[in-house]
Amino acid sequence: MNMKKLFAVLMVLMLAVSGLALAQEDASLDNIVEKGTFILGLDDSFPPMGFRDDESNIVGFDVDLAKEVASRLGMEIELKPIDWTANVMELNSGSVDCLWNGLSITPEREAEIDFSRPYLANRQVIIVLAGSDIVDIPSLAGKTVGLQDGSSAVSALEKNEIASQVTQQKYADNVTALTDLSIGRVDAVLLDEVVARYYETQNPGVYTVLDDSFAEEEYGIGFKKGNDELREAVQKVFDEMIEDGTAAEISEKWFGKDIVVKP
């Protein structure tokens, strides 16, 4: 064997050993099984995905999905409200095991964290008070638009040419933004369609969701890069829930129909 072939063989062996070592280092699932608690990071003011009910309990579509996944994995679940502007930092620091709360899959986030397969389709839409003169994206010119800081609504707006023609008012959560909309402090709010439709349905005659959208997105569960064992375990159980109809039942509870994206 000449030196070039020997070198090539050695390189292949080194890569194989390195890959094996990295695989062995992924104890993400074992660590959670050992502690017995699956910590879910969420924004607790993001209905209907995750929010507090009248008794201050955290409830929602994503919460119900996550509870079922944790139960099937034999784990307790801890719902941990976090500062959504620092969600990736919370995940990568190990403060939470996953982000599961209407988390849009974006190229910016994919560079920092890993995602499950998409499980829900979403759009960034405009919600206004009923009777508003804002009827589409161009009519936002000269208006004040509220949006949640750290959300994908921010990047969706910035990628649209209308961004230079509006005044942005950023909020810690959508609930506060919609409260300000209701009293006229902002003219419109840009947010996830699932949230906008929920508020429109819960407050008949108060809000109008426009047909125009800034971006089409998909929701996924966020995991720290390298935590493949945990991600794959959660995905496997989620797929089983889709297959046996449990995910559809949870969707019908919150949306009145099955809107879960199938594999």
C-alpha atoms as a PDB file:
ATOM      1  CA  MET A   1       0.000   0.000   0.000  1.00  0.00           C
ATOM      2  CA  ASN A   2       1.484   3.335  -1.027  1.00  0.00           C
ATOM      3  CA  MET A   3       1.562   6.356   1.275  1.00  0.00           C
ATOM      4  CA  LYS A   4      -1.408   8.091  -0.399  1.00  0.00           C
ATOM      5  CA  LYS A   5      -3.649   5.067   0.067  1.00  0.00           C
ATOM      6  CA  LEU A   6      -2.452   4.608   3.643  1.00  0.00           C
ATOM      7  CA  PHE A   7      -3.195   8.262   4.385  1.00  0.00           C
ATOM      8  CA  ALA A   8      -6.676   7.952   2.868  1.00  0.00           C
ATOM      9  CA  VAL A   9      -7.444   4.863   4.952  1.00  0.00           C
ATOM     10  CA  LEU A  10      -6.236   6.580   8.122  1.00  0.00           C
ATOM     11  CA  MET A  11      -8.424   9.626   7.386  1.00  0.00           C
ATOM     12  CA  VAL A  12     -11.508   7.443   6.912  1.00  0.00           C
ATOM     13  CA  LEU A  13     -10.796   5.651  10.177  1.00  0.00           C
ATOM     14  CA  MET A  14     -10.290   8.934  12.026  1.00  0.00           C
ATOM     15  CA  LEU A  15     -13.571  10.313  10.721  1.00  0.00           C
ATOM     16  CA  ALA A  16     -15.400   7.124  11.660  1.00  0.00           C
ATOM     17  CA  VAL A  17     -13.965   7.185  15.186  1.00  0.00           C
ATOM     18  CA  SER A  18     -14.803  10.885  15.535  1.00  0.00           C
ATOM     19  CA  GLY A  19     -18.356  10.287  14.367  1.00  0.00           C
ATOM     20  CA  LEU A  20     -18.764   7.420  16.813  1.00  0.00           C
ATOM     21  CA  ALA A  21     -17.436   9.559  19.644  1.00  0.00           C
ATOM     22  CA  LEU A  22     -19.852  12.357  18.810  1.00  0.00           C
ATOM     23  CA  ALA A  23     -22.756   9.911  18.676  1.00  0.00           C
ATOM     24  CA  GLN A  24     -21.768   8.490  22.056  1.00  0.00           C
ATOM     25  CA  GLU A  25     -21.591  11.987  23.525  1.00  0.00           C
ATOM     26  CA  ASP A  26     -25.278  12.650  22.779  1.00  0.00           C
ATOM     27  CA  ALA A  27     -26.843  11.832  26.119  1.00  0.00           C
ATOM     28  CA  SER A  28     -29.722  14.298  25.648  1.00  0.00           C
ATOM     29  CA  LEU A  29     -32.448  11.683  26.025  1.00  0.00           C
ATOM     30  CA  ASP A  30     -30.688   9.718  28.778  1.00  0.00           C
ATOM     31  CA  ASN A  31     -30.192  12.895  30.817  1.00  0.00           C
ATOM     32  CA  ILE A  32     -33.894  13.703  30.736  1.00  0.00           C
ATOM     33  CA  VAL A  33     -34.891  10.116  31.502  1.00  0.00           C
ATOM     34  CA  GLU A  34     -32.508  10.176  34.465  1.00  0.00           C
ATOM     35  CA  LYS A  35     -33.915  13.398  35.903  1.00  0.00           C
ATOM     36  CA  GLY A  36     -37.450  12.335  34.954  1.00  0.00           C
ATOM     37  CA  THR A  37     -38.550  15.804  33.877  1.00  0.00           C
ATOM     38  CA  PHE A  38     -38.944  17.245  30.391  1.00  0.00           C
ATOM     39  CA  ILE A  39     -38.607  21.047  30.566  1.00  0.00           C
ATOM     40  CA  LEU A  40     -40.555  22.884  27.896  1.00  0.00           C
ATOM     41  CA  GLY A  41     -39.726  26.535  27.200  1.00  0.00           C
ATOM     42  CA  LEU A  42     -42.653  28.668  26.116  1.00  0.00           C
ATOM     43  CA  ASP A  43     -44.223  32.099  25.921  1.00  0.00           C
ATOM     44  CA  ASP A  44     -47.181  31.861  28.314  1.00  0.00           C
ATOM     45  CA  SER A  45     -49.102  34.645  26.559  1.00  0.00           C
ATOM     46  CA  PHE A  46     -49.451  33.088  23.108  1.00  0.00           C
ATOM     47  CA  PRO A  47     -53.009  31.764  22.756  1.00  0.00           C
ATOM     48  CA  PRO A  48     -54.125  29.270  21.657  1.00  0.00           C
ATOM     49  CA  MET A  49     -50.677  27.608  21.574  1.00  0.00           C
ATOM     50  CA  GLY A  50     -49.670  28.301  25.174  1.00  0.00           C
ATOM     51  CA  PHE A  51     -51.260  30.773  27.602  1.00  0.00           C
ATOM     52  CA  ARG A  52     -52.729  31.165  31.079  1.00  0.00           C
ATOM     53  CA  ASP A  53     -56.394  30.474  31.683  1.00  0.00           C
ATOM     54  CA  ASP A  54     -58.607  32.299  34.177  1.00  0.00           C
ATOM     55  CA  GLU A  55     -57.064  30.287  37.015  1.00  0.00           C
ATOM     56  CA  SER A  56     -53.512  31.065  35.815  1.00  0.00           C
ATOM     57  CA  ASN A  57     -52.899  27.510  34.632  1.00  0.00           C
ATOM     58  CA  ILE A  58     -50.801  27.222  31.475  1.00  0.00           C
ATOM     59  CA  VAL A  59     -52.942  25.645  28.773  1.00  0.00           C
ATOM     60  CA  GLY A  60     -53.046  25.471  24.992  1.00  0.00           C
ATOM     61  CA  PHE A  61     -52.716  23.377  21.863  1.00  0.00           C
ATOM     62  CA  ASP A  62     -48.942  22.964  22.052  1.00  0.00           C
ATOM     63  CA  VAL A  63     -49.160  22.371  25.799  1.00  0.00           C
ATOM     64  CA  ASP A  64     -51.585  19.484  25.297  1.00  0.00           C
ATOM     65  CA  LEU A  65     -49.392  17.973  22.581  1.00  0.00           C
ATOM     66  CA  ALA A  66     -46.270  18.243  24.728  1.00  0.00           C
ATOM     67  CA  LYS A  67     -47.985  16.761  27.794  1.00  0.00           C
ATOM     68  CA  GLU A  68     -49.059  13.736  25.770  1.00  0.00           C
ATOM     69  CA  VAL A  69     -45.558  13.264  24.341  1.00  0.00           C
ATOM     70  CA  ALA A  70     -43.982  13.480  27.798  1.00  0.00           C
ATOM     71  CA  SER A  71     -46.528  11.023  29.199  1.00  0.00           C
ATOM     72  CA  ARG A  72     -45.788   8.478  26.485  1.00  0.00           C
ATOM     73  CA  LEU A  73     -42.063   8.872  27.117  1.00  0.00           C
ATOM     74  CA  GLY A  74     -42.655   8.218  30.824  1.00  0.00           C
ATOM     75  CA  MET A  75     -41.584  11.704  31.916  1.00  0.00           C
ATOM     76  CA  GLU A  76     -43.033  14.511  33.969  1.00  0.00           C
ATOM     77  CA  ILE A  77     -43.335  17.799  32.124  1.00  0.00           C
ATOM     78  CA  GLU A  78     -42.323  21.212  33.443  1.00  0.00           C
ATOM     79  CA  LEU A  79     -43.810  24.198  31.630  1.00  0.00           C
ATOM     80  CA  LYS A  80     -41.271  27.003  31.933  1.00  0.00           C
ATOM     81  CA  PRO A  81     -42.254  30.496  30.738  1.00  0.00           C
ATOM     82  CA  ILE A  82     -39.234  32.285  29.273  1.00  0.00           C
ATOM     83  CA  ASP A  83     -38.361  35.626  27.740  1.00  0.00           C
ATOM     84  CA  TRP A  84     -39.217  34.878  24.112  1.00  0.00           C
ATOM     85  CA  THR A  85     -36.628  37.367  22.845  1.00  0.00           C
ATOM     86  CA  ALA A  86     -33.996  35.085  24.407  1.00  0.00           C
ATOM     87  CA  ASN A  87     -35.575  31.732  23.507  1.00  0.00           C
ATOM     88  CA  VAL A  88     -32.571  30.369  21.605  1.00  0.00           C
ATOM     89  CA  MET A  89     -30.213  31.401  24.405  1.00  0.00           C
ATOM     90  CA  GLU A  90     -32.455  29.659  26.963  1.00  0.00           C
ATOM     91  CA  LEU A  91     -32.389  26.484  24.866  1.00  0.00           C
ATOM     92  CA  ASN A  92     -28.672  26.447  24.160  1.00  0.00           C
ATOM     93  CA  SER A  93     -27.798  27.187  27.786  1.00  0.00           C
ATOM     94  CA  GLY A  94     -29.678  24.061  28.900  1.00  0.00           C
ATOM     95  CA  SER A  95     -32.279  26.021  30.850  1.00  0.00           C
ATOM     96  CA  VAL A  96     -34.987  24.240  28.838  1.00  0.00           C
ATOM     97  CA  ASP A  97     -34.989  20.974  26.884  1.00  0.00           C
ATOM     98  CA  CYS A  98     -36.996  22.244  23.940  1.00  0.00           C
ATOM     99  CA  LEU A  99     -38.941  25.212  22.581  1.00  0.00           C
ATOM    100  CA  TRP A 100     -42.517  24.219  21.818  1.00  0.00           C
ATOM    101  CA  ASN A 101     -44.888  27.139  21.505  1.00  0.00           C
ATOM    102  CA  GLY A 102     -45.787  28.216  17.992  1.00  0.00           C
ATOM    103  CA  LEU A 103     -42.109  28.384  17.018  1.00  0.00           C
ATOM    104  CA  SER A 104     -41.773  29.301  13.349  1.00  0.00           C
ATOM    105  CA  ILE A 105     -39.050  27.547  11.384  1.00  0.00           C
ATOM    106  CA  THR A 106     -36.872  30.271   9.849  1.00  0.00           C
ATOM    107  CA  PRO A 107     -33.423  30.176   8.221  1.00  0.00           C
ATOM    108  CA  GLU A 108     -32.086  32.364  11.024  1.00  0.00           C
ATOM    109  CA  ARG A 109     -33.273  29.942  13.694  1.00  0.00           C
ATOM    110  CA  GLU A 110     -32.167  26.868  11.735  1.00  0.00           C
ATOM    111  CA  ALA A 111     -28.617  28.239  11.855  1.00  0.00           C
ATOM    112  CA  GLU A 112     -28.749  28.128  15.662  1.00  0.00           C
ATOM    113  CA  ILE A 113     -31.020  25.233  16.621  1.00  0.00           C
ATOM    114  CA  ASP A 114     -32.477  22.009  15.209  1.00  0.00           C
ATOM    115  CA  PHE A 115     -36.151  21.438  14.495  1.00  0.00           C
ATOM    116  CA  SER A 116     -38.613  18.598  14.411  1.00  0.00           C
ATOM    117  CA  ARG A 117     -40.541  18.078  11.207  1.00  0.00           C
ATOM    118  CA  PRO A 118     -43.124  20.842  10.657  1.00  0.00           C
ATOM    119  CA  TYR A 119     -46.419  20.074  12.368  1.00  0.00           C
ATOM    120  CA  LEU A 120     -48.508  23.175  11.633  1.00  0.00           C
ATOM    121  CA  ALA A 121     -48.751  25.680   8.775  1.00  0.00           C
ATOM    122  CA  ASN A 122     -48.785  29.376   9.641  1.00  0.00           C
ATOM    123  CA  ARG A 123     -48.740  32.837   8.072  1.00  0.00           C
ATOM    124  CA  GLN A 124     -47.759  36.259   9.370  1.00  0.00           C
ATOM    125  CA  VAL A 125     -50.923  38.334   9.019  1.00  0.00           C
ATOM    126  CA  ILE A 126     -52.339  41.733   9.900  1.00  0.00           C
ATOM    127  CA  ILE A 127     -55.099  42.155  12.462  1.00  0.00           C
ATOM    128  CA  VAL A 128     -56.947  45.473  12.804  1.00  0.00           C
ATOM    129  CA  LEU A 129     -60.039  46.761  14.551  1.00  0.00           C
ATOM    130  CA  ALA A 130     -63.262  46.080  12.671  1.00  0.00           C
ATOM    131  CA  GLY A 131     -64.022  48.987  10.339  1.00  0.00           C
ATOM    132  CA  SER A 132     -60.391  50.072  10.016  1.00  0.00           C
ATOM    133  CA  ASP A 133     -59.307  51.811   6.809  1.00  0.00           C
ATOM    134  CA  ILE A 134     -56.391  49.360   6.650  1.00  0.00           C
ATOM    135  CA  VAL A 135     -57.476  46.705   4.160  1.00  0.00           C
ATOM    136  CA  ASP A 136     -54.180  45.350   2.804  1.00  0.00           C
ATOM    137  CA  ILE A 137     -50.411  45.685   3.133  1.00  0.00           C
ATOM    138  CA  PRO A 138     -50.068  48.913   1.047  1.00  0.00           C
ATOM    139  CA  SER A 139     -52.620  50.699   3.251  1.00  0.00           C
ATOM    140  CA  LEU A 140     -50.281  50.245   6.243  1.00  0.00           C
ATOM    141  CA  ALA A 141     -48.196  53.136   4.889  1.00  0.00           C
ATOM    142  CA  GLY A 142     -47.948  55.886   7.485  1.00  0.00           C
ATOM    143  CA  LYS A 143     -49.430  53.686  10.228  1.00  0.00           C
ATOM    144  CA  THR A 144     -48.071  52.328  13.509  1.00  0.00           C
ATOM    145  CA  VAL A 145     -47.734  48.550  13.553  1.00  0.00           C
ATOM    146  CA  GLY A 146     -47.378  46.515  16.716  1.00  0.00           C
ATOM    147  CA  LEU A 147     -45.462  43.232  16.797  1.00  0.00           C
ATOM    148  CA  GLN A 148     -43.823  40.912  19.295  1.00  0.00           C
ATOM    149  CA  ASP A 149     -40.118  41.498  19.787  1.00  0.00           C
ATOM    150  CA  GLY A 150     -38.077  38.410  18.950  1.00  0.00           C
ATOM    151  CA  SER A 151     -40.848  36.845  16.867  1.00  0.00           C
ATOM    152  CA  SER A 152     -40.709  35.911  13.192  1.00  0.00           C
ATOM    153  CA  ALA A 153     -43.130  38.794  12.555  1.00  0.00           C
ATOM    154  CA  VAL A 154     -40.177  41.167  12.951  1.00  0.00           C
ATOM    155  CA  SER A 155     -38.144  39.593  10.157  1.00  0.00           C
ATOM    156  CA  ALA A 156     -41.258  39.161   7.996  1.00  0.00           C
ATOM    157  CA  LEU A 157     -41.971  42.882   8.192  1.00  0.00           C
ATOM    158  CA  GLU A 158     -38.362  43.894   7.625  1.00  0.00           C
ATOM    159  CA  LYS A 159     -38.238  41.832   4.425  1.00  0.00           C
ATOM    160  CA  ASN A 160     -41.223  43.719   2.976  1.00  0.00           C
ATOM    161  CA  GLU A 161     -40.859  47.083   1.246  1.00  0.00           C
ATOM    162  CA  ILE A 162     -43.633  48.533   3.420  1.00  0.00           C
ATOM    163  CA  ALA A 163     -41.271  48.361   6.431  1.00  0.00           C
ATOM    164  CA  SER A 164     -39.749  51.755   5.607  1.00  0.00           C
ATOM    165  CA  GLN A 165     -43.206  53.336   5.515  1.00  0.00           C
ATOM    166  CA  VAL A 166     -44.505  52.243   8.930  1.00  0.00           C
ATOM    167  CA  THR A 167     -43.647  52.971  12.536  1.00  0.00           C
ATOM    168  CA  GLN A 168     -42.852  49.780  14.422  1.00  0.00           C
ATOM    169  CA  GLN A 169     -43.944  49.369  18.034  1.00  0.00           C
ATOM    170  CA  LYS A 170     -42.457  46.247  19.593  1.00  0.00           C
ATOM    171  CA  TYR A 171     -43.930  44.410  22.563  1.00  0.00           C
ATOM    172  CA  ALA A 172     -42.872  41.625  24.903  1.00  0.00           C
ATOM    173  CA  ASP A 173     -45.994  39.652  23.928  1.00  0.00           C
ATOM    174  CA  ASN A 174     -48.938  39.711  21.549  1.00  0.00           C
ATOM    175  CA  VAL A 175     -51.498  40.137  24.330  1.00  0.00           C
ATOM    176  CA  THR A 176     -50.135  43.591  25.160  1.00  0.00           C
ATOM    177  CA  ALA A 177     -49.911  44.495  21.479  1.00  0.00           C
ATOM    178  CA  LEU A 178     -53.567  43.565  20.942  1.00  0.00           C
ATOM    179  CA  THR A 179     -54.592  45.479  24.049  1.00  0.00           C
ATOM    180  CA  ASP A 180     -52.930  48.583  22.626  1.00  0.00           C
ATOM    181  CA  LEU A 181     -54.667  47.947  19.300  1.00  0.00           C
ATOM    182  CA  SER A 182     -58.037  47.848  21.055  1.00  0.00           C
ATOM    183  CA  ILE A 183     -57.464  51.285  22.625  1.00  0.00           C
ATOM    184  CA  GLY A 184     -55.942  52.866  19.516  1.00  0.00           C
ATOM    185  CA  ARG A 185     -52.294  53.097  20.506  1.00  0.00           C
ATOM    186  CA  VAL A 186     -51.336  51.172  17.366  1.00  0.00           C
ATOM    187  CA  ASP A 187     -53.196  50.910  14.072  1.00  0.00           C
ATOM    188  CA  ALA A 188     -52.506  47.244  13.352  1.00  0.00           C
ATOM    189  CA  VAL A 189     -50.682  44.235  14.751  1.00  0.00           C
ATOM    190  CA  LEU A 190     -48.596  41.800  12.720  1.00  0.00           C
ATOM    191  CA  LEU A 191     -48.658  38.309  14.213  1.00  0.00           C
ATOM    192  CA  ASP A 192     -49.162  34.591  13.613  1.00  0.00           C
ATOM    193  CA  GLU A 193     -52.404  33.723  11.853  1.00  0.00           C
ATOM    194  CA  VAL A 194     -53.340  31.030  14.378  1.00  0.00           C
ATOM    195  CA  VAL A 195     -53.225  33.651  17.135  1.00  0.00           C
ATOM    196  CA  ALA A 196     -54.999  36.298  15.062  1.00  0.00           C
ATOM    197  CA  ARG A 197     -57.828  33.920  14.107  1.00  0.00           C
ATOM    198  CA  TYR A 198     -58.200  32.859  17.734  1.00  0.00           C
ATOM    199  CA  TYR A 199     -58.650  36.471  18.870  1.00  0.00           C
ATOM    200  CA  GLU A 200     -61.011  37.212  15.989  1.00  0.00           C
ATOM    201  CA  THR A 201     -63.169  34.214  16.947  1.00  0.00           C
ATOM    202  CA  GLN A 202     -63.083  34.961  20.670  1.00  0.00           C
ATOM    203  CA  ASN A 203     -64.034  38.630  20.126  1.00  0.00           C
ATOM    204  CA  PRO A 204     -66.729  38.730  17.421  1.00  0.00           C
ATOM    205  CA  GLY A 205     -67.099  42.113  15.758  1.00  0.00           C
ATOM    206  CA  VAL A 206     -64.000  43.557  17.433  1.00  0.00           C
ATOM    207  CA  TYR A 207     -61.132  42.462  15.183  1.00  0.00           C
ATOM    208  CA  THR A 208     -60.645  41.780  11.483  1.00  0.00           C
ATOM    209  CA  VAL A 209     -57.863  39.588  10.099  1.00  0.00           C
ATOM    210  CA  LEU A 210     -56.835  40.729   6.621  1.00  0.00           C
ATOM    211  CA  ASP A 211     -56.366  38.342   3.717  1.00  0.00           C
ATOM    212  CA  ASP A 212     -52.910  39.729   2.903  1.00  0.00           C
ATOM    213  CA  SER A 213     -49.954  38.008   4.536  1.00  0.00           C
ATOM    214  CA  PHE A 214     -46.282  38.878   4.942  1.00  0.00           C
ATOM    215  CA  ALA A 215     -44.897  35.358   5.018  1.00  0.00           C
ATOM    216  CA  GLU A 216     -45.954  31.736   4.951  1.00  0.00           C
ATOM    217  CA  GLU A 217     -44.302  29.650   7.641  1.00  0.00           C
ATOM    218  CA  GLU A 218     -44.395  26.331   9.433  1.00  0.00           C
ATOM    219  CA  TYR A 219     -44.181  25.545  13.137  1.00  0.00           C
ATOM    220  CA  GLY A 220     -41.661  23.098  14.539  1.00  0.00           C
ATOM    221  CA  ILE A 221     -40.320  21.982  17.911  1.00  0.00           C
ATOM    222  CA  GLY A 222     -36.903  23.485  18.635  1.00  0.00           C
ATOM    223  CA  PHE A 223     -33.990  21.484  20.070  1.00  0.00           C
ATOM    224  CA  LYS A 224     -30.398  22.300  20.905  1.00  0.00           C
ATOM    225  CA  LYS A 225     -28.070  21.305  18.086  1.00  0.00           C
ATOM    226  CA  GLY A 226     -26.585  17.876  18.740  1.00  0.00           C
ATOM    227  CA  ASN A 227     -29.499  16.695  20.893  1.00  0.00           C
ATOM    228  CA  ASP A 228     -30.497  14.244  18.187  1.00  0.00           C
ATOM    229  CA  GLU A 229     -31.515  11.418  20.522  1.00  0.00           C
ATOM    230  CA  LEU A 230     -34.067  13.621  22.252  1.00  0.00           C
ATOM    231  CA  ARG A 231     -35.337  15.143  19.002  1.00  0.00           C
ATOM    232  CA  GLU A 232     -35.776  11.734  17.377  1.00  0.00           C
ATOM    233  CA  ALA A 233     -37.552  10.285  20.439  1.00  0.00           C
ATOM    234  CA  VAL A 234     -40.007  13.182  20.556  1.00  0.00           C
ATOM    235  CA  GLN A 235     -40.566  12.981  16.798  1.00  0.00           C
ATOM    236  CA  LYS A 236     -41.254   9.246  16.973  1.00  0.00           C
ATOM    237  CA  VAL A 237     -43.915   9.694  19.647  1.00  0.00           C
ATOM    238  CA  PHE A 238     -45.432  12.671  17.819  1.00  0.00           C
ATOM    239  CA  ASP A 239     -45.695  10.603  14.640  1.00  0.00           C
ATOM    240  CA  GLU A 240     -47.442   7.862  16.640  1.00  0.00           C
ATOM    241  CA  MET A 241     -49.922  10.456  17.950  1.00  0.00           C
ATOM    242  CA  ILE A 242     -50.678  11.536  14.390  1.00  0.00           C
ATOM    243  CA  GLU A 243     -51.090   7.913  13.333  1.00  0.00           C
ATOM    244  CA  ASP A 244     -53.456   6.957  16.173  1.00  0.00           C
ATOM    245  CA  GLY A 245     -55.553  10.145  15.924  1.00  0.00           C
ATOM    246  CA  THR A 246     -54.526  11.733  19.237  1.00  0.00           C
ATOM    247  CA  ALA A 247     -52.981  14.776  17.553  1.00  0.00           C
ATOM    248  CA  ALA A 248     -56.165  15.261  15.515  1.00  0.00           C
ATOM    249  CA  GLU A 249     -58.295  15.130  18.689  1.00  0.00           C
ATOM    250  CA  ILE A 250     -56.157  17.807  20.332  1.00  0.00           C
ATOM    251  CA  SER A 251     -56.342  19.946  17.189  1.00  0.00           C
ATOM    252  CA  GLU A 252     -60.140  19.625  17.061  1.00  0.00           C
ATOM    253  CA  LYS A 253     -60.322  20.691  20.705  1.00  0.00           C
ATOM    254  CA  TRP A 254     -58.503  23.975  20.017  1.00  0.00           C
ATOM    255  CA  PHE A 255     -59.286  24.744  16.369  1.00  0.00           C
ATOM    256  CA  GLY A 256     -62.497  22.855  15.672  1.00  0.00           C
ATOM    257  CA  LYS A 257     -60.761  20.787  12.992  1.00  0.00           C
ATOM    258  CA  ASP A 258     -57.619  18.764  12.325  1.00  0.00           C
ATOM    259  CA  ILE A 259     -54.948  21.141  11.004  1.00  0.00           C
ATOM    260  CA  VAL A 260     -51.893  19.085  11.986  1.00  0.00           C
ATOM    261  CA  VAL A 261     -49.418  18.613   9.119  1.00  0.00           C
ATOM    262  CA  LYS A 262     -49.041  14.920   8.313  1.00  0.00           C
ATOM    263  CA  PRO A 263     -45.596  13.319   7.676  1.00  0.00           C
END
